[in-house]
């Protein structure tokens, strides 16, 4: 899995960032989510939440904005992409 993550860091359409454990609590502790963005101005962003009993799609602007703010906070609080890749390389070399 770690080797697969390392391969994914090479993709130009993906930004890989690690949230270090020592950071403690963070903006997305409530669970994983995905922000789906579509080409074109007629298709709004959608938040996808997968849960034990099914999935939920949020498309109301205020709901989507709340998750976009959380995503931005995670990006700011996490390691920079280059530092994240270096950290993953160190983890791989230790295993």
PDB file of N, CA and C in Angstrom:
ATOM      1  N   UNK A   1       0.824  -1.191   0.000  1.00  0.00           N
ATOM      2  CA  UNK A   1       0.000   0.000   0.000  1.00  0.00           C
ATOM      3  C   UNK A   1       0.868   1.254   0.000  1.00  0.00           C
ATOM      4  N   UNK A   2       1.934   1.230   0.786  1.00  0.00           N
ATOM      5  CA  UNK A   2       2.814   2.394   0.833  1.00  0.00           C
ATOM      6  C   UNK A   2       3.498   2.621  -0.511  1.00  0.00           C
ATOM      7  N   UNK A   3       3.893   1.531  -1.158  1.00  0.00           N
ATOM      8  CA  UNK A   3       4.512   1.667  -2.480  1.00  0.00           C
ATOM      9  C   UNK A   3       3.510   2.224  -3.487  1.00  0.00           C
ATOM     10  N   UNK A   4       2.272   1.817  -3.375  1.00  0.00           N
ATOM     11  CA  UNK A   4       1.235   2.352  -4.258  1.00  0.00           C
ATOM     12  C   UNK A   4       1.046   3.847  -4.017  1.00  0.00           C
ATOM     13  N   UNK A   5       1.015   4.267  -2.750  1.00  0.00           N
ATOM     14  CA  UNK A   5       0.921   5.685  -2.438  1.00  0.00           C
ATOM     15  C   UNK A   5       2.087   6.454  -3.040  1.00  0.00           C
ATOM     16  N   UNK A   6       3.284   5.885  -2.956  1.00  0.00           N
ATOM     17  CA  UNK A   6       4.459   6.550  -3.514  1.00  0.00           C
ATOM     18  C   UNK A   6       4.305   6.712  -5.029  1.00  0.00           C
ATOM     19  N   UNK A   7       3.783   5.700  -5.686  1.00  0.00           N
ATOM     20  CA  UNK A   7       3.559   5.793  -7.130  1.00  0.00           C
ATOM     21  C   UNK A   7       2.528   6.877  -7.446  1.00  0.00           C
ATOM     22  N   UNK A   8       1.523   7.008  -6.606  1.00  0.00           N
ATOM     23  CA  UNK A   8       0.489   8.025  -6.833  1.00  0.00           C
ATOM     24  C   UNK A   8       1.035   9.443  -6.706  1.00  0.00           C
ATOM     25  N   UNK A   9       2.098   9.629  -5.931  1.00  0.00           N
ATOM     26  CA  UNK A   9       2.652  10.979  -5.766  1.00  0.00           C
ATOM     27  C   UNK A   9       3.214  11.528  -7.074  1.00  0.00           C
ATOM     28  N   UNK A  10       3.433  10.658  -8.053  1.00  0.00           N
ATOM     29  CA  UNK A  10       3.957  11.081  -9.355  1.00  0.00           C
ATOM     30  C   UNK A  10       2.866  11.630 -10.275  1.00  0.00           C
ATOM     31  N   UNK A  11       1.627  11.423  -9.931  1.00  0.00           N
ATOM     32  CA  UNK A  11       0.535  11.870 -10.810  1.00  0.00           C
ATOM     33  C   UNK A  11       0.387  13.384 -10.743  1.00  0.00           C
ATOM     34  N   UNK A  12       0.305  14.028 -11.900  1.00  0.00           N
ATOM     35  CA  UNK A  12       0.221  15.490 -11.909  1.00  0.00           C
ATOM     36  C   UNK A  12      -1.126  16.034 -11.418  1.00  0.00           C
ATOM     37  N   UNK A  13      -2.162  15.204 -11.434  1.00  0.00           N
ATOM     38  CA  UNK A  13      -3.495  15.655 -11.020  1.00  0.00           C
ATOM     39  C   UNK A  13      -3.802  15.312  -9.561  1.00  0.00           C
ATOM     40  N   UNK A  14      -2.789  14.939  -8.800  1.00  0.00           N
ATOM     41  CA  UNK A  14      -2.981  14.542  -7.415  1.00  0.00           C
ATOM     42  C   UNK A  14      -1.992  15.291  -6.529  1.00  0.00           C
ATOM     43  N   UNK A  15      -2.477  15.809  -5.423  1.00  0.00           N
ATOM     44  CA  UNK A  15      -1.608  16.438  -4.429  1.00  0.00           C
ATOM     45  C   UNK A  15      -1.595  15.544  -3.199  1.00  0.00           C
ATOM     46  N   UNK A  16      -0.413  15.073  -2.835  1.00  0.00           N
ATOM     47  CA  UNK A  16      -0.244  14.146  -1.711  1.00  0.00           C
ATOM     48  C   UNK A  16       0.307  14.923  -0.518  1.00  0.00           C
ATOM     49  N   UNK A  17      -0.461  14.941   0.576  1.00  0.00           N
ATOM     50  CA  UNK A  17      -0.023  15.594   1.800  1.00  0.00           C
ATOM     51  C   UNK A  17      -0.333  14.698   2.988  1.00  0.00           C
ATOM     52  N   UNK A  18       0.595  14.672   3.940  1.00  0.00           N
ATOM     53  CA  UNK A  18       0.443  13.867   5.155  1.00  0.00           C
ATOM     54  C   UNK A  18       0.121  14.788   6.325  1.00  0.00           C
ATOM     55  N   UNK A  19      -0.866  14.374   7.114  1.00  0.00           N
ATOM     56  CA  UNK A  19      -1.167  15.050   8.371  1.00  0.00           C
ATOM     57  C   UNK A  19      -0.431  14.274   9.459  1.00  0.00           C
ATOM     58  N   UNK A  20       0.614  14.857  10.045  1.00  0.00           N
ATOM     59  CA  UNK A  20       1.385  14.125  11.060  1.00  0.00           C
ATOM     60  C   UNK A  20       0.552  13.823  12.315  1.00  0.00           C
ATOM     61  N   UNK A  21       0.828  12.667  12.919  1.00  0.00           N
ATOM     62  CA  UNK A  21       0.121  12.289  14.145  1.00  0.00           C
ATOM     63  C   UNK A  21       0.342  13.313  15.247  1.00  0.00           C
ATOM     64  N   UNK A  22       1.546  13.871  15.319  1.00  0.00           N
ATOM     65  CA  UNK A  22       1.850  14.803  16.411  1.00  0.00           C
ATOM     66  C   UNK A  22       1.032  16.084  16.333  1.00  0.00           C
ATOM     67  N   UNK A  23       0.363  16.333  15.179  1.00  0.00           N
ATOM     68  CA  UNK A  23      -0.479  17.515  15.048  1.00  0.00           C
ATOM     69  C   UNK A  23      -1.673  17.436  15.995  1.00  0.00           C
ATOM     70  N   UNK A  24      -2.122  16.217  16.266  1.00  0.00           N
ATOM     71  CA  UNK A  24      -3.276  16.043  17.149  1.00  0.00           C
ATOM     72  C   UNK A  24      -4.577  16.211  16.399  1.00  0.00           C
ATOM     73  N   UNK A  25      -5.547  16.850  17.034  1.00  0.00           N
ATOM     74  CA  UNK A  25      -6.851  17.042  16.420  1.00  0.00           C
ATOM     75  C   UNK A  25      -6.768  17.908  15.178  1.00  0.00           C
ATOM     76  N   UNK A  26      -7.617  17.591  14.213  1.00  0.00           N
ATOM     77  CA  UNK A  26      -7.627  18.368  12.977  1.00  0.00           C
ATOM     78  C   UNK A  26      -9.058  18.558  12.486  1.00  0.00           C
ATOM     79  N   UNK A  27      -9.202  19.342  11.442  1.00  0.00           N
ATOM     80  CA  UNK A  27     -10.518  19.783  10.966  1.00  0.00           C
ATOM     81  C   UNK A  27     -11.409  18.664  10.450  1.00  0.00           C
ATOM     82  N   UNK A  28     -10.834  17.529  10.046  1.00  0.00           N
ATOM     83  CA  UNK A  28     -11.641  16.458   9.445  1.00  0.00           C
ATOM     84  C   UNK A  28     -11.748  15.229  10.339  1.00  0.00           C
ATOM     85  N   UNK A  29     -11.645  15.410  11.630  1.00  0.00           N
ATOM     86  CA  UNK A  29     -11.728  14.267  12.534  1.00  0.00           C
ATOM     87  C   UNK A  29     -13.058  13.538  12.463  1.00  0.00           C
ATOM     88  N   UNK A  30     -14.084  14.209  11.976  1.00  0.00           N
ATOM     89  CA  UNK A  30     -15.411  13.610  11.910  1.00  0.00           C
ATOM     90  C   UNK A  30     -15.531  12.489  10.898  1.00  0.00           C
ATOM     91  N   UNK A  31     -14.575  12.364  10.002  1.00  0.00           N
ATOM     92  CA  UNK A  31     -14.611  11.287   9.024  1.00  0.00           C
ATOM     93  C   UNK A  31     -14.201  11.744   7.638  1.00  0.00           C
ATOM     94  N   UNK A  32     -13.980  10.766   6.796  1.00  0.00           N
ATOM     95  CA  UNK A  32     -13.515  11.038   5.437  1.00  0.00           C
ATOM     96  C   UNK A  32     -14.635  11.618   4.578  1.00  0.00           C
ATOM     97  N   UNK A  33     -14.241  12.414   3.611  1.00  0.00           N
ATOM     98  CA  UNK A  33     -15.178  12.964   2.642  1.00  0.00           C
ATOM     99  C   UNK A  33     -14.427  13.231   1.348  1.00  0.00           C
ATOM    100  N   UNK A  34     -15.167  13.347   0.281  1.00  0.00           N
ATOM    101  CA  UNK A  34     -14.599  13.686  -1.026  1.00  0.00           C
ATOM    102  C   UNK A  34     -15.355  14.882  -1.581  1.00  0.00           C
ATOM    103  N   UNK A  35     -14.605  15.807  -2.168  1.00  0.00           N
ATOM    104  CA  UNK A  35     -15.213  16.929  -2.867  1.00  0.00           C
ATOM    105  C   UNK A  35     -15.105  16.611  -4.351  1.00  0.00           C
ATOM    106  N   UNK A  36     -16.242  16.492  -5.002  1.00  0.00           N
ATOM    107  CA  UNK A  36     -16.281  16.163  -6.424  1.00  0.00           C
ATOM    108  C   UNK A  36     -16.434  17.457  -7.207  1.00  0.00           C
ATOM    109  N   UNK A  37     -15.470  17.703  -8.092  1.00  0.00           N
ATOM    110  CA  UNK A  37     -15.496  18.907  -8.928  1.00  0.00           C
ATOM    111  C   UNK A  37     -15.625  18.470 -10.371  1.00  0.00           C
ATOM    112  N   UNK A  38     -16.472  19.169 -11.092  1.00  0.00           N
ATOM    113  CA  UNK A  38     -16.750  18.801 -12.474  1.00  0.00           C
ATOM    114  C   UNK A  38     -16.362  19.945 -13.404  1.00  0.00           C
ATOM    115  N   UNK A  39     -15.968  19.610 -14.634  1.00  0.00           N
ATOM    116  CA  UNK A  39     -15.649  20.680 -15.588  1.00  0.00           C
ATOM    117  C   UNK A  39     -16.927  21.420 -15.991  1.00  0.00           C
ATOM    118  N   UNK A  40     -16.775  22.656 -16.284  1.00  0.00           N
ATOM    119  CA  UNK A  40     -17.936  23.446 -16.699  1.00  0.00           C
ATOM    120  C   UNK A  40     -18.552  24.182 -15.537  1.00  0.00           C
ATOM    121  N   UNK A  41     -19.125  25.306 -15.826  1.00  0.00           N
ATOM    122  CA  UNK A  41     -19.710  26.143 -14.780  1.00  0.00           C
ATOM    123  C   UNK A  41     -21.130  25.729 -14.414  1.00  0.00           C
ATOM    124  N   UNK A  42     -21.748  24.894 -15.225  1.00  0.00           N
ATOM    125  CA  UNK A  42     -23.133  24.488 -14.973  1.00  0.00           C
ATOM    126  C   UNK A  42     -23.241  23.346 -13.971  1.00  0.00           C
ATOM    127  N   UNK A  43     -22.132  22.696 -13.677  1.00  0.00           N
ATOM    128  CA  UNK A  43     -22.142  21.567 -12.739  1.00  0.00           C
ATOM    129  C   UNK A  43     -21.492  21.992 -11.427  1.00  0.00           C
ATOM    130  N   UNK A  44     -22.266  22.109 -10.355  1.00  0.00           N
ATOM    131  CA  UNK A  44     -21.704  22.570  -9.083  1.00  0.00           C
ATOM    132  C   UNK A  44     -20.882  21.478  -8.392  1.00  0.00           C
ATOM    133  N   UNK A  45     -20.015  21.908  -7.482  1.00  0.00           N
ATOM    134  CA  UNK A  45     -19.266  20.967  -6.643  1.00  0.00           C
ATOM    135  C   UNK A  45     -20.253  20.173  -5.789  1.00  0.00           C
ATOM    136  N   UNK A  46     -19.864  18.929  -5.478  1.00  0.00           N
ATOM    137  CA  UNK A  46     -20.680  18.039  -4.642  1.00  0.00           C
ATOM    138  C   UNK A  46     -19.762  17.397  -3.612  1.00  0.00           C
ATOM    139  N   UNK A  47     -20.254  17.258  -2.387  1.00  0.00           N
ATOM    140  CA  UNK A  47     -19.521  16.539  -1.345  1.00  0.00           C
ATOM    141  C   UNK A  47     -20.107  15.139  -1.235  1.00  0.00           C
ATOM    142  N   UNK A  48     -19.217  14.143  -1.220  1.00  0.00           N
ATOM    143  CA  UNK A  48     -19.617  12.740  -1.134  1.00  0.00           C
ATOM    144  C   UNK A  48     -19.190  12.211   0.225  1.00  0.00           C
ATOM    145  N   UNK A  49     -20.148  11.699   0.979  1.00  0.00           N
ATOM    146  CA  UNK A  49     -19.890  11.097   2.290  1.00  0.00           C
ATOM    147  C   UNK A  49     -20.319   9.644   2.242  1.00  0.00           C
ATOM    148  N   UNK A  50     -19.382   8.753   2.506  1.00  0.00           N
ATOM    149  CA  UNK A  50     -19.713   7.334   2.541  1.00  0.00           C
ATOM    150  C   UNK A  50     -19.809   6.904   3.994  1.00  0.00           C
ATOM    151  N   UNK A  51     -20.912   6.234   4.318  1.00  0.00           N
ATOM    152  CA  UNK A  51     -21.167   5.811   5.685  1.00  0.00           C
ATOM    153  C   UNK A  51     -21.498   4.325   5.700  1.00  0.00           C
ATOM    154  N   UNK A  52     -21.607   3.763   6.881  1.00  0.00           N
ATOM    155  CA  UNK A  52     -21.878   2.340   7.030  1.00  0.00           C
ATOM    156  C   UNK A  52     -23.169   1.933   6.315  1.00  0.00           C
ATOM    157  N   UNK A  53     -24.191   2.742   6.419  1.00  0.00           N
ATOM    158  CA  UNK A  53     -25.484   2.384   5.844  1.00  0.00           C
ATOM    159  C   UNK A  53     -25.736   2.914   4.449  1.00  0.00           C
ATOM    160  N   UNK A  54     -24.773   3.555   3.843  1.00  0.00           N
ATOM    161  CA  UNK A  54     -24.977   4.093   2.496  1.00  0.00           C
ATOM    162  C   UNK A  54     -24.119   5.318   2.252  1.00  0.00           C
ATOM    163  N   UNK A  55     -24.486   6.078   1.251  1.00  0.00           N
ATOM    164  CA  UNK A  55     -23.730   7.268   0.879  1.00  0.00           C
ATOM    165  C   UNK A  55     -24.660   8.472   0.827  1.00  0.00           C
ATOM    166  N   UNK A  56     -24.069   9.632   1.031  1.00  0.00           N
ATOM    167  CA  UNK A  56     -24.816  10.885   0.987  1.00  0.00           C
ATOM    168  C   UNK A  56     -24.078  11.836   0.052  1.00  0.00           C
ATOM    169  N   UNK A  57     -24.832  12.534  -0.771  1.00  0.00           N
ATOM    170  CA  UNK A  57     -24.280  13.567  -1.642  1.00  0.00           C
ATOM    171  C   UNK A  57     -24.843  14.913  -1.180  1.00  0.00           C
ATOM    172  N   UNK A  58     -23.961  15.836  -0.866  1.00  0.00           N
ATOM    173  CA  UNK A  58     -24.367  17.171  -0.440  1.00  0.00           C
ATOM    174  C   UNK A  58     -24.103  18.141  -1.578  1.00  0.00           C
ATOM    175  N   UNK A  59     -25.110  18.904  -1.960  1.00  0.00           N
ATOM    176  CA  UNK A  59     -24.896  19.830  -3.062  1.00  0.00           C
ATOM    177  C   UNK A  59     -25.359  21.253  -2.752  1.00  0.00           C
ATOM    178  N   UNK A  60     -25.915  21.469  -1.575  1.00  0.00           N
ATOM    179  CA  UNK A  60     -26.279  22.843  -1.205  1.00  0.00           C
ATOM    180  C   UNK A  60     -25.011  23.654  -0.999  1.00  0.00           C
ATOM    181  N   UNK A  61     -24.978  24.836  -1.548  1.00  0.00           N
ATOM    182  CA  UNK A  61     -23.765  25.657  -1.562  1.00  0.00           C
ATOM    183  C   UNK A  61     -23.165  25.826  -0.171  1.00  0.00           C
ATOM    184  N   UNK A  62     -23.997  26.089   0.835  1.00  0.00           N
ATOM    185  CA  UNK A  62     -23.462  26.308   2.186  1.00  0.00           C
ATOM    186  C   UNK A  62     -22.848  25.034   2.766  1.00  0.00           C
ATOM    187  N   UNK A  63     -23.404  23.875   2.452  1.00  0.00           N
ATOM    188  CA  UNK A  63     -22.825  22.608   2.910  1.00  0.00           C
ATOM    189  C   UNK A  63     -21.491  22.355   2.219  1.00  0.00           C
ATOM    190  N   UNK A  64     -21.465  22.548   0.911  1.00  0.00           N
ATOM    191  CA  UNK A  64     -20.233  22.337   0.141  1.00  0.00           C
ATOM    192  C   UNK A  64     -19.150  23.293   0.629  1.00  0.00           C
ATOM    193  N   UNK A  65     -19.501  24.548   0.856  1.00  0.00           N
ATOM    194  CA  UNK A  65     -18.521  25.534   1.335  1.00  0.00           C
ATOM    195  C   UNK A  65     -17.912  25.129   2.673  1.00  0.00           C
ATOM    196  N   UNK A  66     -18.723  24.554   3.549  1.00  0.00           N
ATOM    197  CA  UNK A  66     -18.206  24.108   4.849  1.00  0.00           C
ATOM    198  C   UNK A  66     -17.115  23.053   4.652  1.00  0.00           C
ATOM    199  N   UNK A  67     -17.344  22.105   3.757  1.00  0.00           N
ATOM    200  CA  UNK A  67     -16.353  21.063   3.495  1.00  0.00           C
ATOM    201  C   UNK A  67     -15.136  21.604   2.742  1.00  0.00           C
ATOM    202  N   UNK A  68     -15.350  22.572   1.853  1.00  0.00           N
ATOM    203  CA  UNK A  68     -14.212  23.192   1.165  1.00  0.00           C
ATOM    204  C   UNK A  68     -13.323  23.936   2.155  1.00  0.00           C
ATOM    205  N   UNK A  69     -13.925  24.577   3.152  1.00  0.00           N
ATOM    206  CA  UNK A  69     -13.145  25.242   4.199  1.00  0.00           C
ATOM    207  C   UNK A  69     -12.334  24.236   5.001  1.00  0.00           C
ATOM    208  N   UNK A  70     -12.932  23.095   5.311  1.00  0.00           N
ATOM    209  CA  UNK A  70     -12.211  22.039   6.025  1.00  0.00           C
ATOM    210  C   UNK A  70     -11.059  21.525   5.166  1.00  0.00           C
ATOM    211  N   UNK A  71     -11.293  21.310   3.877  1.00  0.00           N
ATOM    212  CA  UNK A  71     -10.242  20.837   2.974  1.00  0.00           C
ATOM    213  C   UNK A  71      -9.089  21.842   2.923  1.00  0.00           C
ATOM    214  N   UNK A  72      -9.411  23.117   2.833  1.00  0.00           N
ATOM    215  CA  UNK A  72      -8.370  24.143   2.831  1.00  0.00           C
ATOM    216  C   UNK A  72      -7.576  24.142   4.131  1.00  0.00           C
ATOM    217  N   UNK A  73      -8.260  23.975   5.254  1.00  0.00           N
ATOM    218  CA  UNK A  73      -7.580  23.940   6.548  1.00  0.00           C
ATOM    219  C   UNK A  73      -6.629  22.732   6.624  1.00  0.00           C
ATOM    220  N   UNK A  74      -7.083  21.589   6.131  1.00  0.00           N
ATOM    221  CA  UNK A  74      -6.232  20.396   6.114  1.00  0.00           C
ATOM    222  C   UNK A  74      -4.980  20.626   5.277  1.00  0.00           C
ATOM    223  N   UNK A  75      -5.148  21.257   4.127  1.00  0.00           N
ATOM    224  CA  UNK A  75      -3.997  21.529   3.253  1.00  0.00           C
ATOM    225  C   UNK A  75      -2.988  22.438   3.942  1.00  0.00           C
ATOM    226  N   UNK A  76      -3.478  23.426   4.676  1.00  0.00           N
ATOM    227  CA  UNK A  76      -2.580  24.343   5.377  1.00  0.00           C
ATOM    228  C   UNK A  76      -1.885  23.688   6.564  1.00  0.00           C
ATOM    229  N   UNK A  77      -2.586  22.800   7.259  1.00  0.00           N
ATOM    230  CA  UNK A  77      -2.040  22.178   8.465  1.00  0.00           C
ATOM    231  C   UNK A  77      -1.161  20.966   8.175  1.00  0.00           C
ATOM    232  N   UNK A  78      -1.283  20.375   7.015  1.00  0.00           N
ATOM    233  CA  UNK A  78      -0.519  19.171   6.670  1.00  0.00           C
ATOM    234  C   UNK A  78       0.876  19.547   6.185  1.00  0.00           C
ATOM    235  N   UNK A  79       1.730  18.517   6.082  1.00  0.00           N
ATOM    236  CA  UNK A  79       3.050  18.726   5.500  1.00  0.00           C
ATOM    237  C   UNK A  79       2.899  19.188   4.054  1.00  0.00           C
ATOM    238  N   UNK A  80       3.848  19.969   3.579  1.00  0.00           N
ATOM    239  CA  UNK A  80       3.867  20.347   2.173  1.00  0.00           C
ATOM    240  C   UNK A  80       4.007  19.085   1.323  1.00  0.00           C
ATOM    241  N   UNK A  81       3.548  19.118   0.072  1.00  0.00           N
ATOM    242  CA  UNK A  81       3.637  17.919  -0.769  1.00  0.00           C
ATOM    243  C   UNK A  81       5.040  17.306  -0.852  1.00  0.00           C
ATOM    244  N   UNK A  82       6.065  18.124  -1.061  1.00  0.00           N
ATOM    245  CA  UNK A  82       7.434  17.588  -1.153  1.00  0.00           C
ATOM    246  C   UNK A  82       7.860  16.956   0.175  1.00  0.00           C
ATOM    247  N   UNK A  83       7.522  17.593   1.289  1.00  0.00           N
ATOM    248  CA  UNK A  83       7.852  17.046   2.607  1.00  0.00           C
ATOM    249  C   UNK A  83       7.074  15.767   2.879  1.00  0.00           C
ATOM    250  N   UNK A  84       5.838  15.703   2.397  1.00  0.00           N
ATOM    251  CA  UNK A  84       5.028  14.491   2.564  1.00  0.00           C
ATOM    252  C   UNK A  84       5.633  13.325   1.798  1.00  0.00           C
ATOM    253  N   UNK A  85       6.089  13.590   0.577  1.00  0.00           N
ATOM    254  CA  UNK A  85       6.728  12.537  -0.225  1.00  0.00           C
ATOM    255  C   UNK A  85       8.007  12.077   0.448  1.00  0.00           C
ATOM    256  N   UNK A  86       8.793  13.005   0.983  1.00  0.00           N
ATOM    257  CA  UNK A  86      10.025  12.638   1.716  1.00  0.00           C
ATOM    258  C   UNK A  86       9.690  11.789   2.935  1.00  0.00           C
ATOM    259  N   UNK A  87       8.654  12.159   3.663  1.00  0.00           N
ATOM    260  CA  UNK A  87       8.256  11.395   4.849  1.00  0.00           C
ATOM    261  C   UNK A  87       7.829   9.984   4.450  1.00  0.00           C
ATOM    262  N   UNK A  88       7.075   9.871   3.360  1.00  0.00           N
ATOM    263  CA  UNK A  88       6.661   8.544   2.891  1.00  0.00           C
ATOM    264  C   UNK A  88       7.881   7.730   2.471  1.00  0.00           C
ATOM    265  N   UNK A  89       8.841   8.345   1.828  1.00  0.00           N
ATOM    266  CA  UNK A  89      10.081   7.635   1.442  1.00  0.00           C
ATOM    267  C   UNK A  89      10.808   7.102   2.672  1.00  0.00           C
ATOM    268  N   UNK A  90      10.878   7.917   3.733  1.00  0.00           N
ATOM    269  CA  UNK A  90      11.531   7.464   4.971  1.00  0.00           C
ATOM    270  C   UNK A  90      10.779   6.282   5.581  1.00  0.00           C
ATOM    271  N   UNK A  91       9.456   6.363   5.583  1.00  0.00           N
ATOM    272  CA  UNK A  91       8.657   5.258   6.130  1.00  0.00           C
ATOM    273  C   UNK A  91       8.913   3.982   5.319  1.00  0.00           C
ATOM    274  N   UNK A  92       8.957   4.112   4.007  1.00  0.00           N
ATOM    275  CA  UNK A  92       9.209   2.946   3.152  1.00  0.00           C
ATOM    276  C   UNK A  92      10.587   2.348   3.392  1.00  0.00           C
ATOM    277  N   UNK A  93      11.576   3.179   3.594  1.00  0.00           N
ATOM    278  CA  UNK A  93      12.934   2.684   3.812  1.00  0.00           C
ATOM    279  C   UNK A  93      13.084   2.016   5.166  1.00  0.00           C
ATOM    280  N   UNK A  94      12.207   2.360   6.117  1.00  0.00           N
ATOM    281  CA  UNK A  94      12.253   1.753   7.452  1.00  0.00           C
ATOM    282  C   UNK A  94      11.513   0.432   7.534  1.00  0.00           C
ATOM    283  N   UNK A  95      10.750   0.094   6.486  1.00  0.00           N
ATOM    284  CA  UNK A  95       9.974  -1.151   6.550  1.00  0.00           C
ATOM    285  C   UNK A  95      10.652  -2.267   5.792  1.00  0.00           C
TER     286      UNK A  95
END
